[in-house]
Amino acid sequence: MRIMKCSAKIQVIYSGNVHGVGFRFTARRIAFRLEVTGFARNLSDGTVEIVCEGEKEALEEFLTAIQENFAGYISGFNVDWKPWSGEFASFEIRF
């Protein structure tokens, strides 16, 4: 288990037109590029939940990349920053 400097964890709930637009798959692609681990999943209320861990700078870049890729689809989001836990080995899409 690799501990990164300034590591953190975020839980983000995105609302808007975020189902059926490749949101989770794009999030996974961005996470792989930035070496962020965690998961993305659709929730039954029409939102998408993303929980991920990595270096703080990588997580901030991840959030920016999601916003840039889905600016026309996201109507709102809530980010909850948490301490890094090391619980994820990769980034996956959960169903």
PDB file of N, CA and C in Angstrom:
ATOM      1  N   MET A   1       0.849  -1.173   0.000  1.00  0.00           N
ATOM      2  CA  MET A   1       0.000   0.000   0.000  1.00  0.00           C
ATOM      3  C   MET A   1       0.896   1.237   0.000  1.00  0.00           C
ATOM      4  N   ARG A   2       0.724   2.073  -1.019  1.00  0.00           N
ATOM      5  CA  ARG A   2       1.538   3.281  -1.176  1.00  0.00           C
ATOM      6  C   ARG A   2       0.815   4.477  -0.558  1.00  0.00           C
ATOM      7  N   ILE A   3       1.451   5.145   0.379  1.00  0.00           N
ATOM      8  CA  ILE A   3       0.876   6.349   0.972  1.00  0.00           C
ATOM      9  C   ILE A   3       1.485   7.547   0.260  1.00  0.00           C
ATOM     10  N   MET A   4       0.633   8.402  -0.250  1.00  0.00           N
ATOM     11  CA  MET A   4       1.084   9.568  -0.991  1.00  0.00           C
ATOM     12  C   MET A   4       1.111  10.785  -0.085  1.00  0.00           C
ATOM     13  N   LYS A   5       2.018  11.712  -0.377  1.00  0.00           N
ATOM     14  CA  LYS A   5       2.054  12.946   0.405  1.00  0.00           C
ATOM     15  C   LYS A   5       0.791  13.745   0.137  1.00  0.00           C
ATOM     16  N   CYS A   6       0.293  14.413   1.141  1.00  0.00           N
ATOM     17  CA  CYS A   6      -0.915  15.244   1.024  1.00  0.00           C
ATOM     18  C   CYS A   6      -2.077  14.463   0.425  1.00  0.00           C
ATOM     19  N   SER A   7      -2.233  13.215   0.820  1.00  0.00           N
ATOM     20  CA  SER A   7      -3.304  12.380   0.294  1.00  0.00           C
ATOM     21  C   SER A   7      -4.630  12.715   0.956  1.00  0.00           C
ATOM     22  N   ALA A   8      -5.697  12.520   0.204  1.00  0.00           N
ATOM     23  CA  ALA A   8      -7.036  12.818   0.705  1.00  0.00           C
ATOM     24  C   ALA A   8      -8.047  11.915   0.011  1.00  0.00           C
ATOM     25  N   LYS A   9      -9.269  12.031   0.457  1.00  0.00           N
ATOM     26  CA  LYS A   9     -10.394  11.277  -0.100  1.00  0.00           C
ATOM     27  C   LYS A   9     -11.534  12.263  -0.308  1.00  0.00           C
ATOM     28  N   ILE A  10     -12.276  12.079  -1.402  1.00  0.00           N
ATOM     29  CA  ILE A  10     -13.456  12.914  -1.623  1.00  0.00           C
ATOM     30  C   ILE A  10     -14.655  12.030  -1.939  1.00  0.00           C
ATOM     31  N   GLN A  11     -15.810  12.514  -1.527  1.00  0.00           N
ATOM     32  CA  GLN A  11     -17.080  11.939  -1.951  1.00  0.00           C
ATOM     33  C   GLN A  11     -17.829  13.077  -2.631  1.00  0.00           C
ATOM     34  N   VAL A  12     -18.220  12.848  -3.879  1.00  0.00           N
ATOM     35  CA  VAL A  12     -18.898  13.881  -4.650  1.00  0.00           C
ATOM     36  C   VAL A  12     -20.223  13.334  -5.159  1.00  0.00           C
ATOM     37  N   ILE A  13     -21.274  14.112  -5.025  1.00  0.00           N
ATOM     38  CA  ILE A  13     -22.577  13.779  -5.595  1.00  0.00           C
ATOM     39  C   ILE A  13     -22.861  14.818  -6.683  1.00  0.00           C
ATOM     40  N   TYR A  14     -23.014  14.331  -7.918  1.00  0.00           N
ATOM     41  CA  TYR A  14     -23.327  15.202  -9.053  1.00  0.00           C
ATOM     42  C   TYR A  14     -24.795  15.048  -9.416  1.00  0.00           C
ATOM     43  N   SER A  15     -25.455  16.177  -9.645  1.00  0.00           N
ATOM     44  CA  SER A  15     -26.849  16.153 -10.096  1.00  0.00           C
ATOM     45  C   SER A  15     -26.947  16.827 -11.456  1.00  0.00           C
ATOM     46  N   GLY A  16     -28.071  16.608 -12.109  1.00  0.00           N
ATOM     47  CA  GLY A  16     -28.302  17.149 -13.445  1.00  0.00           C
ATOM     48  C   GLY A  16     -28.607  16.004 -14.400  1.00  0.00           C
ATOM     49  N   ASN A  17     -28.240  16.169 -15.642  1.00  0.00           N
ATOM     50  CA  ASN A  17     -28.420  15.129 -16.653  1.00  0.00           C
ATOM     51  C   ASN A  17     -27.146  14.289 -16.694  1.00  0.00           C
ATOM     52  N   VAL A  18     -26.926  13.503 -15.641  1.00  0.00           N
ATOM     53  CA  VAL A  18     -25.658  12.791 -15.481  1.00  0.00           C
ATOM     54  C   VAL A  18     -25.758  11.275 -15.663  1.00  0.00           C
ATOM     55  N   HIS A  19     -26.940  10.779 -15.986  1.00  0.00           N
ATOM     56  CA  HIS A  19     -27.095   9.357 -16.315  1.00  0.00           C
ATOM     57  C   HIS A  19     -27.185   9.222 -17.827  1.00  0.00           C
ATOM     58  N   GLY A  20     -26.556   8.176 -18.370  1.00  0.00           N
ATOM     59  CA  GLY A  20     -26.676   7.881 -19.793  1.00  0.00           C
ATOM     60  C   GLY A  20     -25.861   8.786 -20.711  1.00  0.00           C
ATOM     61  N   VAL A  21     -24.858   9.474 -20.155  1.00  0.00           N
ATOM     62  CA  VAL A  21     -24.037  10.380 -20.970  1.00  0.00           C
ATOM     63  C   VAL A  21     -22.551  10.022 -20.896  1.00  0.00           C
ATOM     64  N   GLY A  22     -22.223   8.835 -20.383  1.00  0.00           N
ATOM     65  CA  GLY A  22     -20.830   8.409 -20.279  1.00  0.00           C
ATOM     66  C   GLY A  22     -20.100   8.994 -19.083  1.00  0.00           C
ATOM     67  N   PHE A  23     -20.845   9.469 -18.110  1.00  0.00           N
ATOM     68  CA  PHE A  23     -20.261  10.146 -16.948  1.00  0.00           C
ATOM     69  C   PHE A  23     -19.305   9.237 -16.183  1.00  0.00           C
ATOM     70  N   ARG A  24     -19.757   8.056 -15.817  1.00  0.00           N
ATOM     71  CA  ARG A  24     -18.927   7.150 -15.011  1.00  0.00           C
ATOM     72  C   ARG A  24     -17.703   6.674 -15.776  1.00  0.00           C
ATOM     73  N   PHE A  25     -17.871   6.380 -17.073  1.00  0.00           N
ATOM     74  CA  PHE A  25     -16.763   5.886 -17.877  1.00  0.00           C
ATOM     75  C   PHE A  25     -15.714   6.972 -18.094  1.00  0.00           C
ATOM     76  N   THR A  26     -16.161   8.206 -18.270  1.00  0.00           N
ATOM     77  CA  THR A  26     -15.232   9.330 -18.395  1.00  0.00           C
ATOM     78  C   THR A  26     -14.514   9.568 -17.072  1.00  0.00           C
ATOM     79  N   ALA A  27     -15.243   9.467 -15.969  1.00  0.00           N
ATOM     80  CA  ALA A  27     -14.630   9.620 -14.644  1.00  0.00           C
ATOM     81  C   ALA A  27     -13.535   8.574 -14.447  1.00  0.00           C
ATOM     82  N   ARG A  28     -13.786   7.347 -14.876  1.00  0.00           N
ATOM     83  CA  ARG A  28     -12.784   6.282 -14.742  1.00  0.00           C
ATOM     84  C   ARG A  28     -11.551   6.591 -15.592  1.00  0.00           C
ATOM     85  N   ARG A  29     -11.762   7.070 -16.816  1.00  0.00           N
ATOM     86  CA  ARG A  29     -10.647   7.415 -17.700  1.00  0.00           C
ATOM     87  C   ARG A  29      -9.796   8.529 -17.086  1.00  0.00           C
ATOM     88  N   ILE A  30     -10.450   9.555 -16.537  1.00  0.00           N
ATOM     89  CA  ILE A  30      -9.736  10.663 -15.898  1.00  0.00           C
ATOM     90  C   ILE A  30      -8.991  10.162 -14.657  1.00  0.00           C
ATOM     91  N   ALA A  31      -9.628   9.317 -13.876  1.00  0.00           N
ATOM     92  CA  ALA A  31      -9.008   8.779 -12.662  1.00  0.00           C
ATOM     93  C   ALA A  31      -7.754   7.977 -12.995  1.00  0.00           C
ATOM     94  N   PHE A  32      -7.805   7.153 -14.046  1.00  0.00           N
ATOM     95  CA  PHE A  32      -6.629   6.380 -14.442  1.00  0.00           C
ATOM     96  C   PHE A  32      -5.479   7.310 -14.818  1.00  0.00           C
ATOM     97  N   ARG A  33      -5.789   8.359 -15.576  1.00  0.00           N
ATOM     98  CA  ARG A  33      -4.756   9.307 -16.023  1.00  0.00           C
ATOM     99  C   ARG A  33      -4.102  10.013 -14.841  1.00  0.00           C
ATOM    100  N   LEU A  34      -4.881  10.333 -13.815  1.00  0.00           N
ATOM    101  CA  LEU A  34      -4.390  11.085 -12.669  1.00  0.00           C
ATOM    102  C   LEU A  34      -3.943  10.203 -11.501  1.00  0.00           C
ATOM    103  N   GLU A  35      -4.008   8.888 -11.681  1.00  0.00           N
ATOM    104  CA  GLU A  35      -3.651   7.925 -10.627  1.00  0.00           C
ATOM    105  C   GLU A  35      -4.489   8.120  -9.369  1.00  0.00           C
ATOM    106  N   VAL A  36      -5.799   8.256  -9.599  1.00  0.00           N
ATOM    107  CA  VAL A  36      -6.776   8.387  -8.519  1.00  0.00           C
ATOM    108  C   VAL A  36      -7.513   7.054  -8.421  1.00  0.00           C
ATOM    109  N   THR A  37      -7.764   6.581  -7.214  1.00  0.00           N
ATOM    110  CA  THR A  37      -8.476   5.318  -7.011  1.00  0.00           C
ATOM    111  C   THR A  37      -9.844   5.579  -6.404  1.00  0.00           C
ATOM    112  N   GLY A  38     -10.756   4.620  -6.557  1.00  0.00           N
ATOM    113  CA  GLY A  38     -12.092   4.762  -5.979  1.00  0.00           C
ATOM    114  C   GLY A  38     -13.148   4.163  -6.872  1.00  0.00           C
ATOM    115  N   PHE A  39     -14.329   4.809  -6.930  1.00  0.00           N
ATOM    116  CA  PHE A  39     -15.420   4.288  -7.755  1.00  0.00           C
ATOM    117  C   PHE A  39     -16.390   5.389  -8.144  1.00  0.00           C
ATOM    118  N   ALA A  40     -17.173   5.082  -9.164  1.00  0.00           N
ATOM    119  CA  ALA A  40     -18.292   5.931  -9.582  1.00  0.00           C
ATOM    120  C   ALA A  40     -19.503   5.036  -9.741  1.00  0.00           C
ATOM    121  N   ARG A  41     -20.672   5.535  -9.352  1.00  0.00           N
ATOM    122  CA  ARG A  41     -21.900   4.753  -9.526  1.00  0.00           C
ATOM    123  C   ARG A  41     -23.100   5.673  -9.667  1.00  0.00           C
ATOM    124  N   ASN A  42     -24.070   5.210 -10.459  1.00  0.00           N
ATOM    125  CA  ASN A  42     -25.347   5.903 -10.570  1.00  0.00           C
ATOM    126  C   ASN A  42     -26.160   5.609  -9.321  1.00  0.00           C
ATOM    127  N   LEU A  43     -26.855   6.607  -8.831  1.00  0.00           N
ATOM    128  CA  LEU A  43     -27.773   6.420  -7.702  1.00  0.00           C
ATOM    129  C   LEU A  43     -29.205   6.473  -8.223  1.00  0.00           C
ATOM    130  N   SER A  44     -30.106   5.851  -7.507  1.00  0.00           N
ATOM    131  CA  SER A  44     -31.495   5.716  -7.967  1.00  0.00           C
ATOM    132  C   SER A  44     -32.243   7.048  -8.066  1.00  0.00           C
ATOM    133  N   ASP A  45     -31.731   8.091  -7.436  1.00  0.00           N
ATOM    134  CA  ASP A  45     -32.403   9.394  -7.503  1.00  0.00           C
ATOM    135  C   ASP A  45     -31.960  10.232  -8.706  1.00  0.00           C
ATOM    136  N   GLY A  46     -31.157   9.636  -9.611  1.00  0.00           N
ATOM    137  CA  GLY A  46     -30.713  10.338 -10.810  1.00  0.00           C
ATOM    138  C   GLY A  46     -29.372  11.040 -10.676  1.00  0.00           C
ATOM    139  N   THR A  47     -28.741  10.916  -9.533  1.00  0.00           N
ATOM    140  CA  THR A  47     -27.423  11.526  -9.321  1.00  0.00           C
ATOM    141  C   THR A  47     -26.331  10.488  -9.556  1.00  0.00           C
ATOM    142  N   VAL A  48     -25.090  10.951  -9.597  1.00  0.00           N
ATOM    143  CA  VAL A  48     -23.924  10.071  -9.668  1.00  0.00           C
ATOM    144  C   VAL A  48     -23.067  10.344  -8.445  1.00  0.00           C
ATOM    145  N   GLU A  49     -22.633   9.269  -7.790  1.00  0.00           N
ATOM    146  CA  GLU A  49     -21.734   9.366  -6.650  1.00  0.00           C
ATOM    147  C   GLU A  49     -20.342   8.937  -7.094  1.00  0.00           C
ATOM    148  N   ILE A  50     -19.351   9.744  -6.743  1.00  0.00           N
ATOM    149  CA  ILE A  50     -17.954   9.389  -6.962  1.00  0.00           C
ATOM    150  C   ILE A  50     -17.245   9.486  -5.626  1.00  0.00           C
ATOM    151  N   VAL A  51     -16.542   8.418  -5.272  1.00  0.00           N
ATOM    152  CA  VAL A  51     -15.700   8.403  -4.084  1.00  0.00           C
ATOM    153  C   VAL A  51     -14.307   8.068  -4.580  1.00  0.00           C
ATOM    154  N   CYS A  52     -13.332   8.915  -4.278  1.00  0.00           N
ATOM    155  CA  CYS A  52     -11.988   8.617  -4.749  1.00  0.00           C
ATOM    156  C   CYS A  52     -10.929   9.179  -3.816  1.00  0.00           C
ATOM    157  N   GLU A  53      -9.736   8.602  -3.971  1.00  0.00           N
ATOM    158  CA  GLU A  53      -8.593   8.965  -3.148  1.00  0.00           C
ATOM    159  C   GLU A  53      -7.383   9.221  -4.034  1.00  0.00           C
ATOM    160  N   GLY A  54      -6.492  10.034  -3.529  1.00  0.00           N
ATOM    161  CA  GLY A  54      -5.250  10.313  -4.229  1.00  0.00           C
ATOM    162  C   GLY A  54      -4.590  11.529  -3.619  1.00  0.00           C
ATOM    163  N   GLU A  55      -3.544  12.015  -4.287  1.00  0.00           N
ATOM    164  CA  GLU A  55      -2.909  13.236  -3.834  1.00  0.00           C
ATOM    165  C   GLU A  55      -3.895  14.386  -3.991  1.00  0.00           C
ATOM    166  N   LYS A  56      -3.867  15.318  -3.065  1.00  0.00           N
ATOM    167  CA  LYS A  56      -4.831  16.427  -3.065  1.00  0.00           C
ATOM    168  C   LYS A  56      -4.843  17.159  -4.401  1.00  0.00           C
ATOM    169  N   GLU A  57      -3.675  17.404  -4.973  1.00  0.00           N
ATOM    170  CA  GLU A  57      -3.599  18.100  -6.256  1.00  0.00           C
ATOM    171  C   GLU A  57      -4.270  17.295  -7.357  1.00  0.00           C
ATOM    172  N   ALA A  58      -4.091  15.973  -7.343  1.00  0.00           N
ATOM    173  CA  ALA A  58      -4.713  15.100  -8.344  1.00  0.00           C
ATOM    174  C   ALA A  58      -6.231  15.106  -8.194  1.00  0.00           C
ATOM    175  N   LEU A  59      -6.716  15.127  -6.961  1.00  0.00           N
ATOM    176  CA  LEU A  59      -8.164  15.170  -6.732  1.00  0.00           C
ATOM    177  C   LEU A  59      -8.752  16.496  -7.204  1.00  0.00           C
ATOM    178  N   GLU A  60      -8.034  17.578  -6.971  1.00  0.00           N
ATOM    179  CA  GLU A  60      -8.503  18.877  -7.454  1.00  0.00           C
ATOM    180  C   GLU A  60      -8.536  18.905  -8.982  1.00  0.00           C
ATOM    181  N   GLU A  61      -7.509  18.321  -9.619  1.00  0.00           N
ATOM    182  CA  GLU A  61      -7.474  18.238 -11.076  1.00  0.00           C
ATOM    183  C   GLU A  61      -8.595  17.335 -11.595  1.00  0.00           C
ATOM    184  N   PHE A  62      -8.886  16.262 -10.865  1.00  0.00           N
ATOM    185  CA  PHE A  62      -9.978  15.355 -11.215  1.00  0.00           C
ATOM    186  C   PHE A  62     -11.303  16.120 -11.219  1.00  0.00           C
ATOM    187  N   LEU A  63     -11.568  16.882 -10.163  1.00  0.00           N
ATOM    188  CA  LEU A  63     -12.808  17.657 -10.076  1.00  0.00           C
ATOM    189  C   LEU A  63     -12.920  18.657 -11.223  1.00  0.00           C
ATOM    190  N   THR A  64     -11.823  19.313 -11.544  1.00  0.00           N
ATOM    191  CA  THR A  64     -11.810  20.279 -12.644  1.00  0.00           C
ATOM    192  C   THR A  64     -12.085  19.592 -13.974  1.00  0.00           C
ATOM    193  N   ALA A  65     -11.465  18.446 -14.200  1.00  0.00           N
ATOM    194  CA  ALA A  65     -11.650  17.714 -15.454  1.00  0.00           C
ATOM    195  C   ALA A  65     -13.095  17.241 -15.614  1.00  0.00           C
ATOM    196  N   ILE A  66     -13.712  16.777 -14.550  1.00  0.00           N
ATOM    197  CA  ILE A  66     -15.120  16.365 -14.605  1.00  0.00           C
ATOM    198  C   ILE A  66     -15.981  17.571 -14.972  1.00  0.00           C
ATOM    199  N   GLN A  67     -15.738  18.710 -14.310  1.00  0.00           N
ATOM    200  CA  GLN A  67     -16.502  19.927 -14.599  1.00  0.00           C
ATOM    201  C   GLN A  67     -16.347  20.345 -16.061  1.00  0.00           C
ATOM    202  N   GLU A  68     -15.129  20.281 -16.577  1.00  0.00           N
ATOM    203  CA  GLU A  68     -14.887  20.685 -17.965  1.00  0.00           C
ATOM    204  C   GLU A  68     -15.560  19.731 -18.954  1.00  0.00           C
ATOM    205  N   ASN A  69     -15.510  18.442 -18.682  1.00  0.00           N
ATOM    206  CA  ASN A  69     -16.087  17.445 -19.589  1.00  0.00           C
ATOM    207  C   ASN A  69     -17.607  17.439 -19.574  1.00  0.00           C
ATOM    208  N   PHE A  70     -18.219  17.807 -18.448  1.00  0.00           N
ATOM    209  CA  PHE A  70     -19.669  17.687 -18.311  1.00  0.00           C
ATOM    210  C   PHE A  70     -20.350  18.994 -17.900  1.00  0.00           C
ATOM    211  N   ALA A  71     -19.764  20.106 -18.278  1.00  0.00           N
ATOM    212  CA  ALA A  71     -20.305  21.420 -17.902  1.00  0.00           C
ATOM    213  C   ALA A  71     -21.768  21.575 -18.315  1.00  0.00           C
ATOM    214  N   GLY A  72     -22.152  21.063 -19.456  1.00  0.00           N
ATOM    215  CA  GLY A  72     -23.520  21.196 -19.929  1.00  0.00           C
ATOM    216  C   GLY A  72     -24.492  20.210 -19.308  1.00  0.00           C
ATOM    217  N   TYR A  73     -23.992  19.255 -18.544  1.00  0.00           N
ATOM    218  CA  TYR A  73     -24.829  18.204 -17.962  1.00  0.00           C
ATOM    219  C   TYR A  73     -25.002  18.336 -16.448  1.00  0.00           C
ATOM    220  N   ILE A  74     -24.004  18.907 -15.776  1.00  0.00           N
ATOM    221  CA  ILE A  74     -24.034  19.020 -14.317  1.00  0.00           C
ATOM    222  C   ILE A  74     -24.811  20.272 -13.917  1.00  0.00           C
ATOM    223  N   SER A  75     -25.826  20.087 -13.077  1.00  0.00           N
ATOM    224  CA  SER A  75     -26.552  21.257 -12.563  1.00  0.00           C
ATOM    225  C   SER A  75     -26.115  21.603 -11.141  1.00  0.00           C
ATOM    226  N   GLY A  76     -25.472  20.663 -10.469  1.00  0.00           N
ATOM    227  CA  GLY A  76     -24.994  20.910  -9.119  1.00  0.00           C
ATOM    228  C   GLY A  76     -24.118  19.769  -8.644  1.00  0.00           C
ATOM    229  N   PHE A  77     -23.313  20.045  -7.637  1.00  0.00           N
ATOM    230  CA  PHE A  77     -22.499  18.990  -7.037  1.00  0.00           C
ATOM    231  C   PHE A  77     -22.110  19.389  -5.626  1.00  0.00           C
ATOM    232  N   ASN A  78     -21.858  18.389  -4.814  1.00  0.00           N
ATOM    233  CA  ASN A  78     -21.445  18.593  -3.433  1.00  0.00           C
ATOM    234  C   ASN A  78     -20.207  17.746  -3.183  1.00  0.00           C
ATOM    235  N   VAL A  79     -19.122  18.380  -2.746  1.00  0.00           N
ATOM    236  CA  VAL A  79     -17.859  17.688  -2.470  1.00  0.00           C
ATOM    237  C   VAL A  79     -17.640  17.629  -0.972  1.00  0.00           C
ATOM    238  N   ASP A  80     -17.375  16.433  -0.470  1.00  0.00           N
ATOM    239  CA  ASP A  80     -17.068  16.227   0.938  1.00  0.00           C
ATOM    240  C   ASP A  80     -15.638  15.685   1.027  1.00  0.00           C
ATOM    241  N   TRP A  81     -14.716  16.489   1.547  1.00  0.00           N
ATOM    242  CA  TRP A  81     -13.316  16.079   1.704  1.00  0.00           C
ATOM    243  C   TRP A  81     -13.165  15.274   2.991  1.00  0.00           C
ATOM    244  N   LYS A  82     -12.414  14.165   2.901  1.00  0.00           N
ATOM    245  CA  LYS A  82     -12.216  13.271   4.044  1.00  0.00           C
ATOM    246  C   LYS A  82     -10.744  12.864   4.111  1.00  0.00           C
ATOM    247  N   PRO A  83     -10.324  12.282   5.222  1.00  0.00           N
ATOM    248  CA  PRO A  83      -8.954  11.774   5.307  1.00  0.00           C
ATOM    249  C   PRO A  83      -8.762  10.554   4.395  1.00  0.00           C
ATOM    250  N   TRP A  84      -7.580  10.422   3.852  1.00  0.00           N
ATOM    251  CA  TRP A  84      -7.226   9.272   3.012  1.00  0.00           C
ATOM    252  C   TRP A  84      -7.319   7.998   3.840  1.00  0.00           C
ATOM    253  N   SER A  85      -7.870   6.922   3.264  1.00  0.00           N
ATOM    254  CA  SER A  85      -7.996   5.661   3.995  1.00  0.00           C
ATOM    255  C   SER A  85      -7.236   4.506   3.341  1.00  0.00           C
ATOM    256  N   GLY A  86      -6.875   4.635   2.074  1.00  0.00           N
ATOM    257  CA  GLY A  86      -6.147   3.567   1.390  1.00  0.00           C
ATOM    258  C   GLY A  86      -6.983   2.349   1.059  1.00  0.00           C
ATOM    259  N   GLU A  87      -8.293   2.506   1.001  1.00  0.00           N
ATOM    260  CA  GLU A  87      -9.169   1.346   0.811  1.00  0.00           C
ATOM    261  C   GLU A  87      -9.326   0.894  -0.641  1.00  0.00           C
ATOM    262  N   PHE A  88      -8.871   1.685  -1.614  1.00  0.00           N
ATOM    263  CA  PHE A  88      -9.085   1.346  -3.022  1.00  0.00           C
ATOM    264  C   PHE A  88      -7.763   1.002  -3.708  1.00  0.00           C
ATOM    265  N   ALA A  89      -7.801  -0.020  -4.564  1.00  0.00           N
ATOM    266  CA  ALA A  89      -6.617  -0.419  -5.329  1.00  0.00           C
ATOM    267  C   ALA A  89      -6.645   0.149  -6.739  1.00  0.00           C
ATOM    268  N   SER A  90      -7.837   0.479  -7.236  1.00  0.00           N
ATOM    269  CA  SER A  90      -8.006   1.008  -8.594  1.00  0.00           C
ATOM    270  C   SER A  90      -9.270   1.866  -8.611  1.00  0.00           C
ATOM    271  N   PHE A  91      -9.645   2.332  -9.796  1.00  0.00           N
ATOM    272  CA  PHE A  91     -10.898   3.064  -9.936  1.00  0.00           C
ATOM    273  C   PHE A  91     -11.856   2.192 -10.730  1.00  0.00           C
ATOM    274  N   GLU A  92     -13.046   1.979 -10.201  1.00  0.00           N
ATOM    275  CA  GLU A  92     -14.000   1.084 -10.851  1.00  0.00           C
ATOM    276  C   GLU A  92     -15.370   1.733 -11.006  1.00  0.00           C
ATOM    277  N   ILE A  93     -16.137   1.178 -11.898  1.00  0.00           N
ATOM    278  CA  ILE A  93     -17.528   1.579 -12.045  1.00  0.00           C
ATOM    279  C   ILE A  93     -18.360   0.556 -11.293  1.00  0.00           C
ATOM    280  N   ARG A  94     -19.183   1.027 -10.394  1.00  0.00           N
ATOM    281  CA  ARG A  94     -20.049   0.126  -9.616  1.00  0.00           C
ATOM    282  C   ARG A  94     -21.469   0.234 -10.151  1.00  0.00           C
ATOM    283  N   PHE A  95     -22.141  -0.887 -10.117  1.00  0.00           N
ATOM    284  CA  PHE A  95     -23.520  -0.960 -10.597  1.00  0.00           C
ATOM    285  C   PHE A  95     -24.471  -1.293  -9.485  1.00  0.00           C
TER     286      PHE A  95
END
